Amino acid sequence: MISVGIDVSKGKSTVCILKEYGEVISEPHEINHTEADLKALVESISELNEETRVVMEASGQCRQLK
């Protein structure tokens, strides 16, 4: 399973993508909350072709999306 971690901040987010056992697919990087950046993130996640779990943290609250 692939895990996408997203730390949500005002105006931007930090994203990191990992395979099981911590193998890094995508180093932590920032994306802006623009339509173009968010569409690019969705596209890159869709291209992984494996079961993927997205975990987000915003304002101290953790959310998991399946």
PDB file of N, CA and C in Angstrom:
ATOM      1  N   MET A   1       0.845  -1.175   0.000  1.00  0.00           N
ATOM      2  CA  MET A   1       0.000   0.000   0.000  1.00  0.00           C
ATOM      3  C   MET A   1       0.892   1.241   0.000  1.00  0.00           C
ATOM      4  N   ILE A   2       0.431   2.268  -0.668  1.00  0.00           N
ATOM      5  CA  ILE A   2       1.134   3.544  -0.717  1.00  0.00           C
ATOM      6  C   ILE A   2       0.436   4.512   0.228  1.00  0.00           C
ATOM      7  N   SER A   3       1.239   5.304   0.939  1.00  0.00           N
ATOM      8  CA  SER A   3       0.706   6.320   1.851  1.00  0.00           C
ATOM      9  C   SER A   3       1.099   7.702   1.351  1.00  0.00           C
ATOM     10  N   VAL A   4       0.112   8.574   1.282  1.00  0.00           N
ATOM     11  CA  VAL A   4       0.337   9.971   0.920  1.00  0.00           C
ATOM     12  C   VAL A   4       0.067  10.791   2.170  1.00  0.00           C
ATOM     13  N   GLY A   5       1.098  11.433   2.698  1.00  0.00           N
ATOM     14  CA  GLY A   5       0.951  12.282   3.865  1.00  0.00           C
ATOM     15  C   GLY A   5       0.865  13.732   3.439  1.00  0.00           C
ATOM     16  N   ILE A   6      -0.128  14.441   3.954  1.00  0.00           N
ATOM     17  CA  ILE A   6      -0.322  15.850   3.600  1.00  0.00           C
ATOM     18  C   ILE A   6      -0.458  16.659   4.878  1.00  0.00           C
ATOM     19  N   ASP A   7       0.446  17.618   5.059  1.00  0.00           N
ATOM     20  CA  ASP A   7       0.376  18.558   6.178  1.00  0.00           C
ATOM     21  C   ASP A   7      -0.201  19.851   5.617  1.00  0.00           C
ATOM     22  N   VAL A   8      -1.437  20.144   5.965  1.00  0.00           N
ATOM     23  CA  VAL A   8      -2.161  21.277   5.395  1.00  0.00           C
ATOM     24  C   VAL A   8      -1.890  22.537   6.203  1.00  0.00           C
ATOM     25  N   SER A   9      -1.489  23.588   5.514  1.00  0.00           N
ATOM     26  CA  SER A   9      -1.275  24.903   6.119  1.00  0.00           C
ATOM     27  C   SER A   9      -2.095  25.922   5.338  1.00  0.00           C
ATOM     28  N   LYS A  10      -2.079  27.147   5.796  1.00  0.00           N
ATOM     29  CA  LYS A  10      -2.815  28.203   5.105  1.00  0.00           C
ATOM     30  C   LYS A  10      -2.116  28.522   3.783  1.00  0.00           C
ATOM     31  N   GLY A  11      -2.787  28.272   2.679  1.00  0.00           N
ATOM     32  CA  GLY A  11      -2.268  28.628   1.369  1.00  0.00           C
ATOM     33  C   GLY A  11      -1.370  27.598   0.719  1.00  0.00           C
ATOM     34  N   LYS A  12      -0.877  26.613   1.479  1.00  0.00           N
ATOM     35  CA  LYS A  12       0.003  25.597   0.895  1.00  0.00           C
ATOM     36  C   LYS A  12      -0.046  24.341   1.760  1.00  0.00           C
ATOM     37  N   SER A  13       0.443  23.251   1.201  1.00  0.00           N
ATOM     38  CA  SER A  13       0.536  21.991   1.932  1.00  0.00           C
ATOM     39  C   SER A  13       1.881  21.351   1.637  1.00  0.00           C
ATOM     40  N   THR A  14       2.354  20.528   2.564  1.00  0.00           N
ATOM     41  CA  THR A  14       3.558  19.739   2.344  1.00  0.00           C
ATOM     42  C   THR A  14       3.112  18.304   2.124  1.00  0.00           C
ATOM     43  N   VAL A  15       3.608  17.702   1.046  1.00  0.00           N
ATOM     44  CA  VAL A  15       3.189  16.364   0.635  1.00  0.00           C
ATOM     45  C   VAL A  15       4.399  15.444   0.573  1.00  0.00           C
ATOM     46  N   CYS A  16       4.225  14.213   1.049  1.00  0.00           N
ATOM     47  CA  CYS A  16       5.247  13.176   0.951  1.00  0.00           C
ATOM     48  C   CYS A  16       4.538  11.875   0.590  1.00  0.00           C
ATOM     49  N   ILE A  17       5.143  11.089  -0.304  1.00  0.00           N
ATOM     50  CA  ILE A  17       4.535   9.825  -0.720  1.00  0.00           C
ATOM     51  C   ILE A  17       5.511   8.696  -0.419  1.00  0.00           C
ATOM     52  N   LEU A  18       5.010   7.673   0.296  1.00  0.00           N
ATOM     53  CA  LEU A  18       5.843   6.546   0.723  1.00  0.00           C
ATOM     54  C   LEU A  18       5.203   5.221   0.346  1.00  0.00           C
ATOM     55  N   LYS A  19       6.062   4.235   0.046  1.00  0.00           N
ATOM     56  CA  LYS A  19       5.612   2.850  -0.071  1.00  0.00           C
ATOM     57  C   LYS A  19       5.689   2.231   1.309  1.00  0.00           C
ATOM     58  N   GLU A  20       5.253   0.984   1.398  1.00  0.00           N
ATOM     59  CA  GLU A  20       5.349   0.277   2.671  1.00  0.00           C
ATOM     60  C   GLU A  20       6.798   0.258   3.137  1.00  0.00           C
ATOM     61  N   TYR A  21       6.973   0.198   4.419  1.00  0.00           N
ATOM     62  CA  TYR A  21       8.285   0.132   5.070  1.00  0.00           C
ATOM     63  C   TYR A  21       9.122   1.387   4.841  1.00  0.00           C
ATOM     64  N   GLY A  22       8.475   2.505   4.482  1.00  0.00           N
ATOM     65  CA  GLY A  22       9.149   3.788   4.418  1.00  0.00           C
ATOM     66  C   GLY A  22       9.919   4.095   3.155  1.00  0.00           C
ATOM     67  N   GLU A  23       9.791   3.273   2.118  1.00  0.00           N
ATOM     68  CA  GLU A  23      10.474   3.567   0.856  1.00  0.00           C
ATOM     69  C   GLU A  23       9.867   4.834   0.257  1.00  0.00           C
ATOM     70  N   VAL A  24      10.714   5.834   0.020  1.00  0.00           N
ATOM     71  CA  VAL A  24      10.241   7.142  -0.438  1.00  0.00           C
ATOM     72  C   VAL A  24       9.973   7.118  -1.944  1.00  0.00           C
ATOM     73  N   ILE A  25       8.762   7.478  -2.319  1.00  0.00           N
ATOM     74  CA  ILE A  25       8.406   7.656  -3.728  1.00  0.00           C
ATOM     75  C   ILE A  25       8.587   9.120  -4.104  1.00  0.00           C
ATOM     76  N   SER A  26       8.168  10.008  -3.212  1.00  0.00           N
ATOM     77  CA  SER A  26       8.274  11.450  -3.449  1.00  0.00           C
ATOM     78  C   SER A  26       8.697  12.124  -2.150  1.00  0.00           C
ATOM     79  N   GLU A  27       9.852  12.768  -2.175  1.00  0.00           N
ATOM     80  CA  GLU A  27      10.352  13.501  -1.007  1.00  0.00           C
ATOM     81  C   GLU A  27       9.344  14.584  -0.618  1.00  0.00           C
ATOM     82  N   PRO A  28       9.346  15.003   0.639  1.00  0.00           N
ATOM     83  CA  PRO A  28       8.442  16.089   1.038  1.00  0.00           C
ATOM     84  C   PRO A  28       8.638  17.325   0.157  1.00  0.00           C
ATOM     85  N   HIS A  29       7.545  17.846  -0.335  1.00  0.00           N
ATOM     86  CA  HIS A  29       7.585  19.055  -1.160  1.00  0.00           C
ATOM     87  C   HIS A  29       6.305  19.847  -0.929  1.00  0.00           C
ATOM     88  N   GLU A  30       6.390  21.135  -1.184  1.00  0.00           N
ATOM     89  CA  GLU A  30       5.240  22.012  -0.973  1.00  0.00           C
ATOM     90  C   GLU A  30       4.434  22.155  -2.253  1.00  0.00           C
ATOM     91  N   ILE A  31       3.116  22.209  -2.082  1.00  0.00           N
ATOM     92  CA  ILE A  31       2.227  22.552  -3.184  1.00  0.00           C
ATOM     93  C   ILE A  31       1.355  23.713  -2.720  1.00  0.00           C
ATOM     94  N   ASN A  32       1.054  24.590  -3.639  1.00  0.00           N
ATOM     95  CA  ASN A  32       0.156  25.702  -3.332  1.00  0.00           C
ATOM     96  C   ASN A  32      -1.283  25.235  -3.482  1.00  0.00           C
ATOM     97  N   HIS A  33      -2.178  25.912  -2.830  1.00  0.00           N
ATOM     98  CA  HIS A  33      -3.593  25.567  -2.916  1.00  0.00           C
ATOM     99  C   HIS A  33      -4.225  26.247  -4.122  1.00  0.00           C
ATOM    100  N   THR A  34      -3.635  25.971  -5.274  1.00  0.00           N
ATOM    101  CA  THR A  34      -4.185  26.474  -6.533  1.00  0.00           C
ATOM    102  C   THR A  34      -4.817  25.302  -7.273  1.00  0.00           C
ATOM    103  N   GLU A  35      -5.713  25.610  -8.164  1.00  0.00           N
ATOM    104  CA  GLU A  35      -6.362  24.545  -8.929  1.00  0.00           C
ATOM    105  C   GLU A  35      -5.331  23.709  -9.685  1.00  0.00           C
ATOM    106  N   ALA A  36      -4.347  24.364 -10.283  1.00  0.00           N
ATOM    107  CA  ALA A  36      -3.333  23.645 -11.064  1.00  0.00           C
ATOM    108  C   ALA A  36      -2.515  22.698 -10.195  1.00  0.00           C
ATOM    109  N   ASP A  37      -2.045  23.167  -9.038  1.00  0.00           N
ATOM    110  CA  ASP A  37      -1.234  22.318  -8.156  1.00  0.00           C
ATOM    111  C   ASP A  37      -2.048  21.159  -7.591  1.00  0.00           C
ATOM    112  N   LEU A  38      -3.294  21.413  -7.205  1.00  0.00           N
ATOM    113  CA  LEU A  38      -4.128  20.350  -6.649  1.00  0.00           C
ATOM    114  C   LEU A  38      -4.482  19.307  -7.710  1.00  0.00           C
ATOM    115  N   LYS A  39      -4.746  19.748  -8.933  1.00  0.00           N
ATOM    116  CA  LYS A  39      -5.008  18.800 -10.020  1.00  0.00           C
ATOM    117  C   LYS A  39      -3.769  17.953 -10.296  1.00  0.00           C
ATOM    118  N   ALA A  40      -2.591  18.571 -10.266  1.00  0.00           N
ATOM    119  CA  ALA A  40      -1.346  17.831 -10.490  1.00  0.00           C
ATOM    120  C   ALA A  40      -1.129  16.788  -9.397  1.00  0.00           C
ATOM    121  N   LEU A  41      -1.455  17.121  -8.157  1.00  0.00           N
ATOM    122  CA  LEU A  41      -1.327  16.166  -7.057  1.00  0.00           C
ATOM    123  C   LEU A  41      -2.276  14.984  -7.259  1.00  0.00           C
ATOM    124  N   VAL A  42      -3.522  15.261  -7.589  1.00  0.00           N
ATOM    125  CA  VAL A  42      -4.497  14.190  -7.822  1.00  0.00           C
ATOM    126  C   VAL A  42      -4.030  13.300  -8.975  1.00  0.00           C
ATOM    127  N   GLU A  43      -3.524  13.903 -10.031  1.00  0.00           N
ATOM    128  CA  GLU A  43      -3.039  13.130 -11.180  1.00  0.00           C
ATOM    129  C   GLU A  43      -1.861  12.239 -10.789  1.00  0.00           C
ATOM    130  N   SER A  44      -0.920  12.785 -10.021  1.00  0.00           N
ATOM    131  CA  SER A  44       0.247  11.986  -9.629  1.00  0.00           C
ATOM    132  C   SER A  44      -0.157  10.830  -8.715  1.00  0.00           C
ATOM    133  N   ILE A  45      -1.129  11.041  -7.842  1.00  0.00           N
ATOM    134  CA  ILE A  45      -1.616   9.958  -6.976  1.00  0.00           C
ATOM    135  C   ILE A  45      -2.344   8.909  -7.818  1.00  0.00           C
ATOM    136  N   SER A  46      -3.138   9.341  -8.782  1.00  0.00           N
ATOM    137  CA  SER A  46      -3.884   8.413  -9.640  1.00  0.00           C
ATOM    138  C   SER A  46      -2.959   7.528 -10.462  1.00  0.00           C
ATOM    139  N   GLU A  47      -1.797   8.034 -10.828  1.00  0.00           N
ATOM    140  CA  GLU A  47      -0.847   7.289 -11.653  1.00  0.00           C
ATOM    141  C   GLU A  47      -0.094   6.209 -10.877  1.00  0.00           C
ATOM    142  N   LEU A  48      -0.240   6.153  -9.563  1.00  0.00           N
ATOM    143  CA  LEU A  48       0.511   5.186  -8.760  1.00  0.00           C
ATOM    144  C   LEU A  48       0.053   3.750  -8.992  1.00  0.00           C
ATOM    145  N   ASN A  49      -1.182   3.561  -9.410  1.00  0.00           N
ATOM    146  CA  ASN A  49      -1.716   2.237  -9.743  1.00  0.00           C
ATOM    147  C   ASN A  49      -1.543   1.198  -8.643  1.00  0.00           C
ATOM    148  N   GLU A  50      -1.662   1.614  -7.408  1.00  0.00           N
ATOM    149  CA  GLU A  50      -1.650   0.708  -6.259  1.00  0.00           C
ATOM    150  C   GLU A  50      -2.666   1.230  -5.257  1.00  0.00           C
ATOM    151  N   GLU A  51      -3.044   0.363  -4.322  1.00  0.00           N
ATOM    152  CA  GLU A  51      -3.923   0.820  -3.251  1.00  0.00           C
ATOM    153  C   GLU A  51      -3.215   1.957  -2.526  1.00  0.00           C
ATOM    154  N   THR A  52      -3.914   3.062  -2.350  1.00  0.00           N
ATOM    155  CA  THR A  52      -3.310   4.269  -1.780  1.00  0.00           C
ATOM    156  C   THR A  52      -4.179   4.808  -0.663  1.00  0.00           C
ATOM    157  N   ARG A  53      -3.526   5.212   0.400  1.00  0.00           N
ATOM    158  CA  ARG A  53      -4.217   5.830   1.537  1.00  0.00           C
ATOM    159  C   ARG A  53      -3.662   7.247   1.676  1.00  0.00           C
ATOM    160  N   VAL A  54      -4.565   8.214   1.819  1.00  0.00           N
ATOM    161  CA  VAL A  54      -4.173   9.607   2.008  1.00  0.00           C
ATOM    162  C   VAL A  54      -4.461   9.987   3.452  1.00  0.00           C
ATOM    163  N   VAL A  55      -3.439  10.522   4.132  1.00  0.00           N
ATOM    164  CA  VAL A  55      -3.576  10.953   5.520  1.00  0.00           C
ATOM    165  C   VAL A  55      -3.245  12.435   5.572  1.00  0.00           C
ATOM    166  N   MET A  56      -4.175  13.234   6.137  1.00  0.00           N
ATOM    167  CA  MET A  56      -3.994  14.684   6.198  1.00  0.00           C
ATOM    168  C   MET A  56      -4.007  15.157   7.638  1.00  0.00           C
ATOM    169  N   GLU A  57      -3.206  16.182   7.892  1.00  0.00           N
ATOM    170  CA  GLU A  57      -3.206  16.839   9.201  1.00  0.00           C
ATOM    171  C   GLU A  57      -3.434  18.315   8.947  1.00  0.00           C
ATOM    172  N   ALA A  58      -4.427  18.862   9.609  1.00  0.00           N
ATOM    173  CA  ALA A  58      -4.716  20.289   9.488  1.00  0.00           C
ATOM    174  C   ALA A  58      -5.103  20.814  10.863  1.00  0.00           C
ATOM    175  N   SER A  59      -4.438  21.825  11.320  1.00  0.00           N
ATOM    176  CA  SER A  59      -4.760  22.456  12.606  1.00  0.00           C
ATOM    177  C   SER A  59      -4.787  21.463  13.761  1.00  0.00           C
ATOM    178  N   GLY A  60      -3.840  20.545  13.749  1.00  0.00           N
ATOM    179  CA  GLY A  60      -3.720  19.608  14.850  1.00  0.00           C
ATOM    180  C   GLY A  60      -4.682  18.441  14.812  1.00  0.00           C
ATOM    181  N   GLN A  61      -5.488  18.334  13.761  1.00  0.00           N
ATOM    182  CA  GLN A  61      -6.424  17.215  13.638  1.00  0.00           C
ATOM    183  C   GLN A  61      -5.972  16.322  12.488  1.00  0.00           C
ATOM    184  N   CYS A  62      -5.954  15.029  12.717  1.00  0.00           N
ATOM    185  CA  CYS A  62      -5.533  14.070  11.698  1.00  0.00           C
ATOM    186  C   CYS A  62      -6.759  13.441  11.049  1.00  0.00           C
ATOM    187  N   ARG A  63      -6.753  13.344   9.725  1.00  0.00           N
ATOM    188  CA  ARG A  63      -7.859  12.721   8.997  1.00  0.00           C
ATOM    189  C   ARG A  63      -7.277  11.693   8.034  1.00  0.00           C
ATOM    190  N   GLN A  64      -7.971  10.585   7.894  1.00  0.00           N
ATOM    191  CA  GLN A  64      -7.537   9.530   6.985  1.00  0.00           C
ATOM    192  C   GLN A  64      -8.618   9.315   5.946  1.00  0.00           C
ATOM    193  N   LEU A  65      -8.221   9.341   4.676  1.00  0.00           N
ATOM    194  CA  LEU A  65      -9.162   9.145   3.577  1.00  0.00           C
ATOM    195  C   LEU A  65      -8.837   7.843   2.875  1.00  0.00           C
ATOM    196  N   LYS A  66      -9.853   7.047   2.605  1.00  0.00           N
ATOM    197  CA  LYS A  66      -9.643   5.785   1.878  1.00  0.00           C
ATOM    198  C   LYS A  66     -10.239   5.891   0.502  1.00  0.00           C
TER     199      LYS A  66
END
